[in-house]
Amino acid sequence: MGKKLNQTEFSVLDLAIIREGYDARDAFDRSQDLAIRVEGLGYSRFWLAEHHNMANVGSSATALLIGHVAAKTKTIRVGSGGIMLPNHAPLMVAEQFGTLATLYPNRIDLGLGRAPGTDQLTARALRRDRLETVEEFPNDLEELQMYLSDENIDGKVRAIPGEGLEIPIYLLGSSMSSAVLAARKGLPYAFASHFAPAQFLDAISYYKENFQPSEYLAEPYVISCVNVIAADEEAKAHSLATSFYQMALGIVRRKSYPLKKPVESMNGLWSQEEAATINQMMACSFVGSASSVKHDLVKFQELVQVDEIMICSHIYDHEDRLRSYEIAASCFS
């Protein structure tokens, strides 16, 4: 008997999206308010994602924003979805998340990605003279785990704070590579199905079948991130979704613009080829009223059988976004 939707954990992925006509402070305040609201709705965790050099994404200093959110919430887990480890020295990540875990005990998650979260020019600016690449990710992961372990108490280099703290590590991915590593290391695995669904089913199937129990996790644990845009009326939800489509269009065109207001129609804004590409990218997206979104989420969970569904909602108006998360939460009851 498979896991049903009402037996599935649900959570939030946020990017502190910057709206057209507003600044990053507005994005930070909305993220904080969203976290407060979803905590009361039963969401399990609230993750922020590291991106750089993008005009519509404010979550570049991810650890700082995690603290901003954790400071105003009480019970919801807060973390990274993720920290792009090749951009950082593992020691610095251990110290930053050790500090967060000390300030907010038993509430901090450390999700790790192997991509730069930006273009190559910006990646070089971030890394300066560091030579680490995605190929070095397994070594960086082991170094980070060492700094966070009790066994490093006699090490010549120690993470203070951080050492000995039980900070859950999650591996993030959008391809088979991270699935292989997560299975081998016995770590929970989060797949970016909200924008890269092509290898989703193959990756989580491999992870589940090849998972090796570890000191961190006895059984495989899969998180799938999806897009949800819900409203009280079907037509309104599809109208709100045009902000999301415009943002996705920027990704296809390799441009970054602040999140735009909804439009009456995407006709004339994208070509047929661009629309097809975006529809393929956003295959794990659910737009509509409460009944239609719940119906689609139930079918999705019947197919994928994940342990947790993480919801990302790019909606221009803050109240509409809050309402979307409220409707989404009701789908899991």
C-alpha atoms as a PDB file:
ATOM      1  CA  MET A   1       0.000   0.000   0.000  1.00  0.00           C
ATOM      2  CA  GLY A   2       1.579   3.270  -1.097  1.00  0.00           C
ATOM      3  CA  LYS A   3       1.841   6.479   0.844  1.00  0.00           C
ATOM      4  CA  LYS A   4      -1.190   8.705   0.325  1.00  0.00           C
ATOM      5  CA  LEU A   5      -1.130  12.475   0.054  1.00  0.00           C
ATOM      6  CA  ASN A   6      -2.609  12.915   3.544  1.00  0.00           C
ATOM      7  CA  GLN A   7       0.279  10.834   4.917  1.00  0.00           C
ATOM      8  CA  THR A   8       2.896  12.999   3.206  1.00  0.00           C
ATOM      9  CA  GLU A   9       4.927  15.777   4.810  1.00  0.00           C
ATOM     10  CA  PHE A  10       4.617  19.149   3.089  1.00  0.00           C
ATOM     11  CA  SER A  11       6.982  22.090   3.159  1.00  0.00           C
ATOM     12  CA  VAL A  12       8.076  25.313   1.424  1.00  0.00           C
ATOM     13  CA  LEU A  13      10.875  26.335  -0.921  1.00  0.00           C
ATOM     14  CA  ASP A  14      11.413  30.094  -1.120  1.00  0.00           C
ATOM     15  CA  LEU A  15      13.834  32.219  -3.148  1.00  0.00           C
ATOM     16  CA  ALA A  16      12.994  35.631  -1.655  1.00  0.00           C
ATOM     17  CA  ILE A  17      11.726  36.631  -5.082  1.00  0.00           C
ATOM     18  CA  ILE A  18      12.013  40.358  -5.857  1.00  0.00           C
ATOM     19  CA  ARG A  19       8.891  41.863  -7.395  1.00  0.00           C
ATOM     20  CA  GLU A  20       8.838  44.472 -10.133  1.00  0.00           C
ATOM     21  CA  GLY A  21       8.443  47.858  -8.441  1.00  0.00           C
ATOM     22  CA  TYR A  22       9.846  46.641  -5.102  1.00  0.00           C
ATOM     23  CA  ASP A  23      13.257  46.026  -3.571  1.00  0.00           C
ATOM     24  CA  ALA A  24      15.001  43.150  -1.808  1.00  0.00           C
ATOM     25  CA  ARG A  25      13.846  44.327   1.635  1.00  0.00           C
ATOM     26  CA  ASP A  26      10.266  43.763   0.512  1.00  0.00           C
ATOM     27  CA  ALA A  27      11.227  40.243  -0.567  1.00  0.00           C
ATOM     28  CA  PHE A  28      12.875  39.518   2.792  1.00  0.00           C
ATOM     29  CA  ASP A  29       9.895  40.788   4.757  1.00  0.00           C
ATOM     30  CA  ARG A  30       7.484  38.743   2.648  1.00  0.00           C
ATOM     31  CA  SER A  31       9.590  35.621   3.132  1.00  0.00           C
ATOM     32  CA  GLN A  32       9.543  36.127   6.868  1.00  0.00           C
ATOM     33  CA  ASP A  33       5.797  36.735   6.922  1.00  0.00           C
ATOM     34  CA  LEU A  34       5.202  33.694   4.734  1.00  0.00           C
ATOM     35  CA  ALA A  35       7.209  31.522   7.124  1.00  0.00           C
ATOM     36  CA  ILE A  36       5.151  32.737  10.075  1.00  0.00           C
ATOM     37  CA  ARG A  37       1.922  31.960   8.233  1.00  0.00           C
ATOM     38  CA  VAL A  38       2.888  28.507   6.942  1.00  0.00           C
ATOM     39  CA  GLU A  39       4.155  27.511  10.382  1.00  0.00           C
ATOM     40  CA  GLY A  40       0.588  27.892  11.597  1.00  0.00           C
ATOM     41  CA  LEU A  41      -0.696  25.846   8.643  1.00  0.00           C
ATOM     42  CA  GLY A  42       1.312  22.753   9.522  1.00  0.00           C
ATOM     43  CA  TYR A  43       4.160  22.993   7.007  1.00  0.00           C
ATOM     44  CA  SER A  44       7.193  20.996   8.150  1.00  0.00           C
ATOM     45  CA  ARG A  45      10.061  23.131   6.906  1.00  0.00           C
ATOM     46  CA  PHE A  46      10.906  26.375   5.128  1.00  0.00           C
ATOM     47  CA  TRP A  47      13.944  26.286   2.854  1.00  0.00           C
ATOM     48  CA  LEU A  48      15.728  29.113   1.052  1.00  0.00           C
ATOM     49  CA  ALA A  49      17.788  28.566  -2.090  1.00  0.00           C
ATOM     50  CA  GLU A  50      21.158  30.068  -2.960  1.00  0.00           C
ATOM     51  CA  HIS A  51      21.298  31.920  -6.280  1.00  0.00           C
ATOM     52  CA  HIS A  52      23.559  34.714  -7.495  1.00  0.00           C
ATOM     53  CA  ASN A  53      23.516  37.484 -10.106  1.00  0.00           C
ATOM     54  CA  MET A  54      19.764  37.216 -10.673  1.00  0.00           C
ATOM     55  CA  ALA A  55      17.607  40.331 -10.612  1.00  0.00           C
ATOM     56  CA  ASN A  56      14.569  38.437  -9.333  1.00  0.00           C
ATOM     57  CA  VAL A  57      16.200  36.341  -6.586  1.00  0.00           C
ATOM     58  CA  GLY A  58      17.151  37.874  -3.245  1.00  0.00           C
ATOM     59  CA  SER A  59      18.394  34.762  -1.436  1.00  0.00           C
ATOM     60  CA  SER A  60      22.084  35.090  -2.325  1.00  0.00           C
ATOM     61  CA  ALA A  61      23.222  35.359   1.334  1.00  0.00           C
ATOM     62  CA  THR A  62      21.249  32.241   2.224  1.00  0.00           C
ATOM     63  CA  ALA A  63      22.507  31.644   5.768  1.00  0.00           C
ATOM     64  CA  LEU A  64      21.645  35.227   6.738  1.00  0.00           C
ATOM     65  CA  LEU A  65      18.093  34.850   5.447  1.00  0.00           C
ATOM     66  CA  ILE A  66      17.679  31.561   7.282  1.00  0.00           C
ATOM     67  CA  GLY A  67      18.455  33.439  10.490  1.00  0.00           C
ATOM     68  CA  HIS A  68      16.024  36.209   9.473  1.00  0.00           C
ATOM     69  CA  VAL A  69      13.237  33.626   9.111  1.00  0.00           C
ATOM     70  CA  ALA A  70      14.140  31.477  12.115  1.00  0.00           C
ATOM     71  CA  ALA A  71      14.166  34.544  14.392  1.00  0.00           C
ATOM     72  CA  LYS A  72      10.444  35.171  13.852  1.00  0.00           C
ATOM     73  CA  THR A  73       9.233  31.563  13.863  1.00  0.00           C
ATOM     74  CA  LYS A  74       9.085  29.026  16.665  1.00  0.00           C
ATOM     75  CA  THR A  75       8.657  25.446  15.507  1.00  0.00           C
ATOM     76  CA  ILE A  76       9.033  25.147  11.733  1.00  0.00           C
ATOM     77  CA  ARG A  77      12.382  23.824  10.517  1.00  0.00           C
ATOM     78  CA  VAL A  78      14.350  26.380   8.501  1.00  0.00           C
ATOM     79  CA  GLY A  79      17.184  25.599   6.157  1.00  0.00           C
ATOM     80  CA  SER A  80      18.859  25.746   2.780  1.00  0.00           C
ATOM     81  CA  GLY A  81      17.515  24.286  -0.394  1.00  0.00           C
ATOM     82  CA  GLY A  82      20.312  24.590  -0.888  1.00  0.00           C
ATOM     83  CA  ILE A  83      23.757  25.889  -0.166  1.00  0.00           C
ATOM     84  CA  MET A  84      25.807  25.448  -3.350  1.00  0.00           C
ATOM     85  CA  LEU A  85      28.808  23.819  -1.718  1.00  0.00           C
ATOM     86  CA  PRO A  86      31.356  24.368  -4.522  1.00  0.00           C
ATOM     87  CA  ASN A  87      30.959  28.130  -3.901  1.00  0.00           C
ATOM     88  CA  HIS A  88      32.087  27.852  -0.273  1.00  0.00           C
ATOM     89  CA  ALA A  89      34.831  26.482   1.920  1.00  0.00           C
ATOM     90  CA  PRO A  90      33.307  23.560   3.872  1.00  0.00           C
ATOM     91  CA  LEU A  91      34.687  24.997   7.117  1.00  0.00           C
ATOM     92  CA  MET A  92      32.784  28.244   6.593  1.00  0.00           C
ATOM     93  CA  VAL A  93      29.536  26.355   5.913  1.00  0.00           C
ATOM     94  CA  ALA A  94      30.055  24.298   9.076  1.00  0.00           C
ATOM     95  CA  GLU A  95      30.628  27.455  11.138  1.00  0.00           C
ATOM     96  CA  GLN A  96      27.662  29.327   9.663  1.00  0.00           C
ATOM     97  CA  PHE A  97      25.217  26.469  10.142  1.00  0.00           C
ATOM     98  CA  GLY A  98      26.748  25.632  13.496  1.00  0.00           C
ATOM     99  CA  THR A  99      25.973  29.197  14.538  1.00  0.00           C
ATOM    100  CA  LEU A 100      22.397  28.905  13.243  1.00  0.00           C
ATOM    101  CA  ALA A 101      21.892  25.548  14.963  1.00  0.00           C
ATOM    102  CA  THR A 102      23.206  27.004  18.222  1.00  0.00           C
ATOM    103  CA  LEU A 103      20.825  29.954  18.030  1.00  0.00           C
ATOM    104  CA  TYR A 104      17.837  27.833  16.899  1.00  0.00           C
ATOM    105  CA  PRO A 105      18.370  24.296  18.288  1.00  0.00           C
ATOM    106  CA  ASN A 106      16.805  21.337  16.467  1.00  0.00           C
ATOM    107  CA  ARG A 107      15.347  23.581  13.775  1.00  0.00           C
ATOM    108  CA  ILE A 108      18.100  24.011  11.163  1.00  0.00           C
ATOM    109  CA  ASP A 109      18.483  21.913   7.983  1.00  0.00           C
ATOM    110  CA  LEU A 110      21.483  21.942   5.661  1.00  0.00           C
ATOM    111  CA  GLY A 111      20.549  21.132   2.089  1.00  0.00           C
ATOM    112  CA  LEU A 112      23.537  20.985  -0.265  1.00  0.00           C
ATOM    113  CA  GLY A 113      23.770  21.374  -4.024  1.00  0.00           C
ATOM    114  CA  ARG A 114      26.665  20.655  -6.364  1.00  0.00           C
ATOM    115  CA  ALA A 115      25.914  23.325  -8.988  1.00  0.00           C
ATOM    116  CA  PRO A 116      27.036  26.967  -8.689  1.00  0.00           C
ATOM    117  CA  GLY A 117      23.508  28.412  -8.676  1.00  0.00           C
ATOM    118  CA  THR A 118      24.583  31.020 -11.203  1.00  0.00           C
ATOM    119  CA  ASP A 119      26.466  31.579 -14.461  1.00  0.00           C
ATOM    120  CA  GLN A 120      30.112  30.586 -14.853  1.00  0.00           C
ATOM    121  CA  LEU A 121      31.437  34.156 -14.753  1.00  0.00           C
ATOM    122  CA  THR A 122      29.722  34.789 -11.424  1.00  0.00           C
ATOM    123  CA  ALA A 123      30.864  31.399 -10.146  1.00  0.00           C
ATOM    124  CA  ARG A 124      34.462  32.418 -10.792  1.00  0.00           C
ATOM    125  CA  ALA A 125      33.868  35.696  -8.957  1.00  0.00           C
ATOM    126  CA  LEU A 126      32.485  33.776  -5.977  1.00  0.00           C
ATOM    127  CA  ARG A 127      35.244  31.200  -5.831  1.00  0.00           C
ATOM    128  CA  ARG A 128      38.182  33.524  -6.590  1.00  0.00           C
ATOM    129  CA  ASP A 129      41.277  31.308  -6.520  1.00  0.00           C
ATOM    130  CA  ARG A 130      39.522  28.191  -5.229  1.00  0.00           C
ATOM    131  CA  LEU A 131      39.771  25.352  -7.729  1.00  0.00           C
ATOM    132  CA  GLU A 132      36.842  23.278  -6.467  1.00  0.00           C
ATOM    133  CA  THR A 133      34.352  22.183  -9.103  1.00  0.00           C
ATOM    134  CA  VAL A 134      31.265  19.999  -9.078  1.00  0.00           C
ATOM    135  CA  GLU A 135      33.600  17.005  -9.429  1.00  0.00           C
ATOM    136  CA  GLU A 136      35.043  17.869  -6.006  1.00  0.00           C
ATOM    137  CA  PHE A 137      31.615  17.833  -4.382  1.00  0.00           C
ATOM    138  CA  PRO A 138      31.939  14.380  -2.715  1.00  0.00           C
ATOM    139  CA  ASN A 139      35.251  15.419  -1.138  1.00  0.00           C
ATOM    140  CA  ASP A 140      33.812  18.745   0.031  1.00  0.00           C
ATOM    141  CA  LEU A 141      30.844  16.889   1.520  1.00  0.00           C
ATOM    142  CA  GLU A 142      33.113  14.551   3.480  1.00  0.00           C
ATOM    143  CA  GLU A 143      35.156  17.489   4.750  1.00  0.00           C
ATOM    144  CA  LEU A 144      31.992  19.274   5.883  1.00  0.00           C
ATOM    145  CA  GLN A 145      30.716  16.148   7.634  1.00  0.00           C
ATOM    146  CA  MET A 146      34.054  15.844   9.409  1.00  0.00           C
ATOM    147  CA  TYR A 147      33.843  19.404  10.754  1.00  0.00           C
ATOM    148  CA  LEU A 148      30.337  18.738  12.089  1.00  0.00           C
ATOM    149  CA  SER A 149      31.247  15.432  13.738  1.00  0.00           C
ATOM    150  CA  ASP A 150      32.193  14.629  17.327  1.00  0.00           C
ATOM    151  CA  GLU A 151      35.243  12.773  16.024  1.00  0.00           C
ATOM    152  CA  ASN A 152      36.915  16.019  14.944  1.00  0.00           C
ATOM    153  CA  ILE A 153      37.472  17.143  18.534  1.00  0.00           C
ATOM    154  CA  ASP A 154      41.202  16.540  18.193  1.00  0.00           C
ATOM    155  CA  GLY A 155      41.423  17.883  14.653  1.00  0.00           C
ATOM    156  CA  LYS A 156      43.901  20.622  13.800  1.00  0.00           C
ATOM    157  CA  VAL A 157      41.054  22.553  12.125  1.00  0.00           C
ATOM    158  CA  ARG A 158      37.736  22.650  13.969  1.00  0.00           C
ATOM    159  CA  ALA A 159      34.341  24.262  13.355  1.00  0.00           C
ATOM    160  CA  ILE A 160      33.390  26.225  16.472  1.00  0.00           C
ATOM    161  CA  PRO A 161      30.403  26.350  16.712  1.00  0.00           C
ATOM    162  CA  GLY A 162      29.306  23.415  14.583  1.00  0.00           C
ATOM    163  CA  GLU A 163      31.333  20.507  15.862  1.00  0.00           C
ATOM    164  CA  GLY A 164      29.173  17.782  17.360  1.00  0.00           C
ATOM    165  CA  LEU A 165      25.885  19.421  16.449  1.00  0.00           C
ATOM    166  CA  GLU A 166      23.272  17.211  14.833  1.00  0.00           C
ATOM    167  CA  ILE A 167      22.521  19.272  11.731  1.00  0.00           C
ATOM    168  CA  PRO A 168      20.652  17.141   9.164  1.00  0.00           C
ATOM    169  CA  ILE A 169      22.299  17.180   5.732  1.00  0.00           C
ATOM    170  CA  TYR A 170      20.191  16.723   2.599  1.00  0.00           C
ATOM    171  CA  LEU A 171      21.601  16.259  -0.896  1.00  0.00           C
ATOM    172  CA  LEU A 172      19.849  18.203  -3.637  1.00  0.00           C
ATOM    173  CA  GLY A 173      19.865  17.369  -7.309  1.00  0.00           C
ATOM    174  CA  SER A 174      18.252  17.586 -10.717  1.00  0.00           C
ATOM    175  CA  SER A 175      20.012  14.588 -12.319  1.00  0.00           C
ATOM    176  CA  MET A 176      21.296  11.111 -11.547  1.00  0.00           C
ATOM    177  CA  SER A 177      24.629  12.285 -10.099  1.00  0.00           C
ATOM    178  CA  SER A 178      23.316  13.438  -6.727  1.00  0.00           C
ATOM    179  CA  ALA A 179      20.970  10.441  -6.516  1.00  0.00           C
ATOM    180  CA  VAL A 180      23.973   8.120  -6.755  1.00  0.00           C
ATOM    181  CA  LEU A 181      25.889  10.017  -4.075  1.00  0.00           C
ATOM    182  CA  ALA A 182      22.880  10.344  -1.739  1.00  0.00           C
ATOM    183  CA  ALA A 183      22.212   6.603  -1.986  1.00  0.00           C
ATOM    184  CA  ARG A 184      25.840   5.711  -1.340  1.00  0.00           C
ATOM    185  CA  LYS A 185      26.180   8.125   1.599  1.00  0.00           C
ATOM    186  CA  GLY A 186      22.830   7.180   3.156  1.00  0.00           C
ATOM    187  CA  LEU A 187      21.511  10.752   3.109  1.00  0.00           C
ATOM    188  CA  PRO A 188      18.044  12.149   2.382  1.00  0.00           C
ATOM    189  CA  TYR A 189      17.577  13.285  -1.219  1.00  0.00           C
ATOM    190  CA  ALA A 190      15.653  16.306  -2.549  1.00  0.00           C
ATOM    191  CA  PHE A 191      14.948  16.510  -6.279  1.00  0.00           C
ATOM    192  CA  ALA A 192      14.405  19.786  -8.149  1.00  0.00           C
ATOM    193  CA  SER A 193      11.387  18.489 -10.023  1.00  0.00           C
ATOM    194  CA  HIS A 194       9.892  22.000 -10.001  1.00  0.00           C
ATOM    195  CA  PHE A 195      12.150  23.064 -12.882  1.00  0.00           C
ATOM    196  CA  ALA A 196      14.070  19.976 -14.074  1.00  0.00           C
ATOM    197  CA  PRO A 197      11.704  16.987 -14.152  1.00  0.00           C
ATOM    198  CA  ALA A 198      13.371  15.065 -17.000  1.00  0.00           C
ATOM    199  CA  GLN A 199      15.343  12.595 -14.838  1.00  0.00           C
ATOM    200  CA  PHE A 200      13.102  12.794 -11.779  1.00  0.00           C
ATOM    201  CA  LEU A 201      11.534   9.319 -11.854  1.00  0.00           C
ATOM    202  CA  ASP A 202      14.764   7.574 -12.833  1.00  0.00           C
ATOM    203  CA  ALA A 203      16.761   9.406 -10.155  1.00  0.00           C
ATOM    204  CA  ILE A 204      14.422   8.698  -7.243  1.00  0.00           C
ATOM    205  CA  SER A 205      13.975   5.090  -8.374  1.00  0.00           C
ATOM    206  CA  TYR A 206      17.755   4.583  -8.393  1.00  0.00           C
ATOM    207  CA  TYR A 207      18.091   6.282  -5.012  1.00  0.00           C
ATOM    208  CA  LYS A 208      15.426   4.098  -3.376  1.00  0.00           C
ATOM    209  CA  GLU A 209      16.746   0.855  -4.854  1.00  0.00           C
ATOM    210  CA  ASN A 210      20.416   1.537  -4.038  1.00  0.00           C
ATOM    211  CA  PHE A 211      20.111   3.333  -0.707  1.00  0.00           C
ATOM    212  CA  GLN A 212      22.681   2.241   1.874  1.00  0.00           C
ATOM    213  CA  PRO A 213      21.614   2.801   5.501  1.00  0.00           C
ATOM    214  CA  SER A 214      23.942   5.075   7.454  1.00  0.00           C
ATOM    215  CA  GLU A 215      24.361   6.606  10.879  1.00  0.00           C
ATOM    216  CA  TYR A 216      22.265   9.485   9.572  1.00  0.00           C
ATOM    217  CA  LEU A 217      19.339   7.648   8.007  1.00  0.00           C
ATOM    218  CA  ALA A 218      17.999   4.082   8.204  1.00  0.00           C
ATOM    219  CA  GLU A 219      15.705   4.212   5.169  1.00  0.00           C
ATOM    220  CA  PRO A 220      15.601   6.345   2.002  1.00  0.00           C
ATOM    221  CA  TYR A 221      13.860   9.695   2.270  1.00  0.00           C
ATOM    222  CA  VAL A 222      12.797  11.606  -0.853  1.00  0.00           C
ATOM    223  CA  ILE A 223      11.622  15.198  -1.153  1.00  0.00           C
ATOM    224  CA  SER A 224      10.098  16.389  -4.413  1.00  0.00           C
ATOM    225  CA  CYS A 225       9.809  20.111  -5.072  1.00  0.00           C
ATOM    226  CA  VAL A 226       6.802  21.206  -7.140  1.00  0.00           C
ATOM    227  CA  ASN A 227       5.181  24.458  -8.199  1.00  0.00           C
ATOM    228  CA  VAL A 228       1.719  25.195  -6.839  1.00  0.00           C
ATOM    229  CA  ILE A 229      -0.383  28.223  -7.735  1.00  0.00           C
ATOM    230  CA  ALA A 230      -3.817  27.917  -6.175  1.00  0.00           C
ATOM    231  CA  ALA A 231      -6.735  30.318  -5.803  1.00  0.00           C
ATOM    232  CA  ASP A 232     -10.387  30.162  -4.852  1.00  0.00           C
ATOM    233  CA  GLU A 233     -11.398  30.250  -8.514  1.00  0.00           C
ATOM    234  CA  GLU A 234      -9.798  28.281 -11.336  1.00  0.00           C
ATOM    235  CA  ALA A 235      -9.599  31.320 -13.610  1.00  0.00           C
ATOM    236  CA  LYS A 236      -7.845  33.422 -11.004  1.00  0.00           C
ATOM    237  CA  ALA A 237      -5.217  30.755 -10.414  1.00  0.00           C
ATOM    238  CA  HIS A 238      -4.415  30.599 -14.110  1.00  0.00           C
ATOM    239  CA  SER A 239      -4.222  34.391 -14.199  1.00  0.00           C
ATOM    240  CA  LEU A 240      -1.819  34.451 -11.230  1.00  0.00           C
ATOM    241  CA  ALA A 241       0.301  31.832 -12.969  1.00  0.00           C
ATOM    242  CA  THR A 242       1.205  34.253 -15.759  1.00  0.00           C
ATOM    243  CA  SER A 243       3.674  35.941 -13.387  1.00  0.00           C
ATOM    244  CA  PHE A 244       5.346  32.547 -12.965  1.00  0.00           C
ATOM    245  CA  TYR A 245       5.350  31.957 -16.733  1.00  0.00           C
ATOM    246  CA  GLN A 246       6.959  35.335 -17.367  1.00  0.00           C
ATOM    247  CA  MET A 247       9.698  34.478 -14.883  1.00  0.00           C
ATOM    248  CA  ALA A 248      10.216  31.095 -16.554  1.00  0.00           C
ATOM    249  CA  LEU A 249      10.405  32.857 -19.914  1.00  0.00           C
ATOM    250  CA  GLY A 250      13.323  34.862 -18.564  1.00  0.00           C
ATOM    251  CA  ILE A 251      15.076  31.603 -17.660  1.00  0.00           C
ATOM    252  CA  VAL A 252      14.569  30.251 -21.183  1.00  0.00           C
ATOM    253  CA  ARG A 253      15.939  33.480 -22.659  1.00  0.00           C
ATOM    254  CA  ARG A 254      18.830  33.514 -20.155  1.00  0.00           C
ATOM    255  CA  LYS A 255      17.666  36.797 -18.677  1.00  0.00           C
ATOM    256  CA  SER A 256      16.554  37.709 -15.173  1.00  0.00           C
ATOM    257  CA  TYR A 257      13.818  40.199 -14.480  1.00  0.00           C
ATOM    258  CA  PRO A 258      11.928  41.008 -11.265  1.00  0.00           C
ATOM    259  CA  LEU A 259       8.697  39.051 -10.845  1.00  0.00           C
ATOM    260  CA  LYS A 260       6.095  40.779 -12.986  1.00  0.00           C
ATOM    261  CA  LYS A 261       2.380  41.373 -12.419  1.00  0.00           C
ATOM    262  CA  PRO A 262      -0.082  38.921 -13.985  1.00  0.00           C
ATOM    263  CA  VAL A 263      -1.180  39.556 -17.559  1.00  0.00           C
ATOM    264  CA  GLU A 264      -4.408  38.682 -19.328  1.00  0.00           C
ATOM    265  CA  SER A 265      -2.671  36.314 -21.700  1.00  0.00           C
ATOM    266  CA  MET A 266       0.801  35.068 -22.549  1.00  0.00           C
ATOM    267  CA  ASN A 267      -0.055  35.297 -26.244  1.00  0.00           C
ATOM    268  CA  GLY A 268       2.428  37.607 -27.875  1.00  0.00           C
ATOM    269  CA  LEU A 269       4.838  37.335 -24.950  1.00  0.00           C
ATOM    270  CA  TRP A 270       6.227  33.910 -25.799  1.00  0.00           C
ATOM    271  CA  SER A 271       6.607  31.898 -28.954  1.00  0.00           C
ATOM    272  CA  GLN A 272       5.088  28.445 -29.416  1.00  0.00           C
ATOM    273  CA  GLU A 273       8.547  26.930 -28.993  1.00  0.00           C
ATOM    274  CA  GLU A 274       9.163  28.867 -25.766  1.00  0.00           C
ATOM    275  CA  ALA A 275       5.759  27.893 -24.408  1.00  0.00           C
ATOM    276  CA  ALA A 276       6.472  24.228 -25.156  1.00  0.00           C
ATOM    277  CA  THR A 277       9.882  24.420 -23.476  1.00  0.00           C
ATOM    278  CA  ILE A 278       8.412  26.039 -20.371  1.00  0.00           C
ATOM    279  CA  ASN A 279       5.571  23.529 -20.182  1.00  0.00           C
ATOM    280  CA  GLN A 280       8.148  20.743 -20.319  1.00  0.00           C
ATOM    281  CA  MET A 281      10.325  22.373 -17.648  1.00  0.00           C
ATOM    282  CA  MET A 282       7.337  22.976 -15.413  1.00  0.00           C
ATOM    283  CA  ALA A 283       5.722  19.546 -15.792  1.00  0.00           C
ATOM    284  CA  CYS A 284       5.556  19.202 -11.995  1.00  0.00           C
ATOM    285  CA  SER A 285       3.362  22.266 -11.586  1.00  0.00           C
ATOM    286  CA  PHE A 286      -0.186  22.411 -10.263  1.00  0.00           C
ATOM    287  CA  VAL A 287      -2.384  25.398 -11.048  1.00  0.00           C
ATOM    288  CA  GLY A 288      -6.048  25.803 -10.196  1.00  0.00           C
ATOM    289  CA  SER A 289      -8.662  25.778  -7.482  1.00  0.00           C
ATOM    290  CA  ALA A 290      -8.433  23.714  -4.297  1.00  0.00           C
ATOM    291  CA  SER A 291     -10.282  20.757  -5.817  1.00  0.00           C
ATOM    292  CA  SER A 292      -8.262  20.603  -9.027  1.00  0.00           C
ATOM    293  CA  VAL A 293      -4.910  21.089  -7.279  1.00  0.00           C
ATOM    294  CA  LYS A 294      -5.736  18.400  -4.730  1.00  0.00           C
ATOM    295  CA  HIS A 295      -6.835  16.002  -7.475  1.00  0.00           C
ATOM    296  CA  ASP A 296      -3.566  16.544  -9.357  1.00  0.00           C
ATOM    297  CA  LEU A 297      -1.410  16.273  -6.234  1.00  0.00           C
ATOM    298  CA  VAL A 298      -3.109  13.005  -5.264  1.00  0.00           C
ATOM    299  CA  LYS A 299      -2.360  11.580  -8.723  1.00  0.00           C
ATOM    300  CA  PHE A 300       1.212  12.879  -8.536  1.00  0.00           C
ATOM    301  CA  GLN A 301       1.848  11.200  -5.189  1.00  0.00           C
ATOM    302  CA  GLU A 302       0.301   7.943  -6.387  1.00  0.00           C
ATOM    303  CA  LEU A 303       2.888   7.964  -9.180  1.00  0.00           C
ATOM    304  CA  VAL A 304       6.036   9.151  -7.411  1.00  0.00           C
ATOM    305  CA  GLN A 305       5.580   7.903  -3.818  1.00  0.00           C
ATOM    306  CA  VAL A 306       7.817  10.494  -2.148  1.00  0.00           C
ATOM    307  CA  ASP A 307       8.086  11.164   1.575  1.00  0.00           C
ATOM    308  CA  GLU A 308       7.683  14.917   1.340  1.00  0.00           C
ATOM    309  CA  ILE A 309       6.395  17.440  -1.179  1.00  0.00           C
ATOM    310  CA  MET A 310       8.052  20.850  -1.088  1.00  0.00           C
ATOM    311  CA  ILE A 311       5.979  23.657  -2.571  1.00  0.00           C
ATOM    312  CA  CYS A 312       7.288  26.664  -4.466  1.00  0.00           C
ATOM    313  CA  SER A 313       4.812  29.406  -5.406  1.00  0.00           C
ATOM    314  CA  HIS A 314       5.876  32.400  -7.492  1.00  0.00           C
ATOM    315  CA  ILE A 315       2.919  34.782  -7.149  1.00  0.00           C
ATOM    316  CA  TYR A 316       3.157  38.566  -7.449  1.00  0.00           C
ATOM    317  CA  ASP A 317       0.644  39.684  -4.821  1.00  0.00           C
ATOM    318  CA  HIS A 318       1.586  38.725  -1.267  1.00  0.00           C
ATOM    319  CA  GLU A 319      -1.966  38.046  -0.081  1.00  0.00           C
ATOM    320  CA  ASP A 320      -2.643  35.868  -3.113  1.00  0.00           C
ATOM    321  CA  ARG A 321       0.561  33.957  -2.348  1.00  0.00           C
ATOM    322  CA  LEU A 322      -0.450  33.416   1.261  1.00  0.00           C
ATOM    323  CA  ARG A 323      -3.845  32.178   0.108  1.00  0.00           C
ATOM    324  CA  SER A 324      -2.195  29.767  -2.334  1.00  0.00           C
ATOM    325  CA  TYR A 325      -0.158  28.209   0.469  1.00  0.00           C
ATOM    326  CA  GLU A 326      -3.275  27.991   2.626  1.00  0.00           C
ATOM    327  CA  ILE A 327      -5.135  26.146  -0.125  1.00  0.00           C
ATOM    328  CA  ALA A 328      -2.130  23.901  -0.741  1.00  0.00           C
ATOM    329  CA  ALA A 329      -1.987  22.948   2.927  1.00  0.00           C
ATOM    330  CA  SER A 330      -5.662  21.951   2.854  1.00  0.00           C
ATOM    331  CA  CYS A 331      -4.883  19.459   0.073  1.00  0.00           C
ATOM    332  CA  PHE A 332      -2.804  17.363   2.490  1.00  0.00           C
ATOM    333  CA  SER A 333      -5.558  16.973   5.077  1.00  0.00           C
END
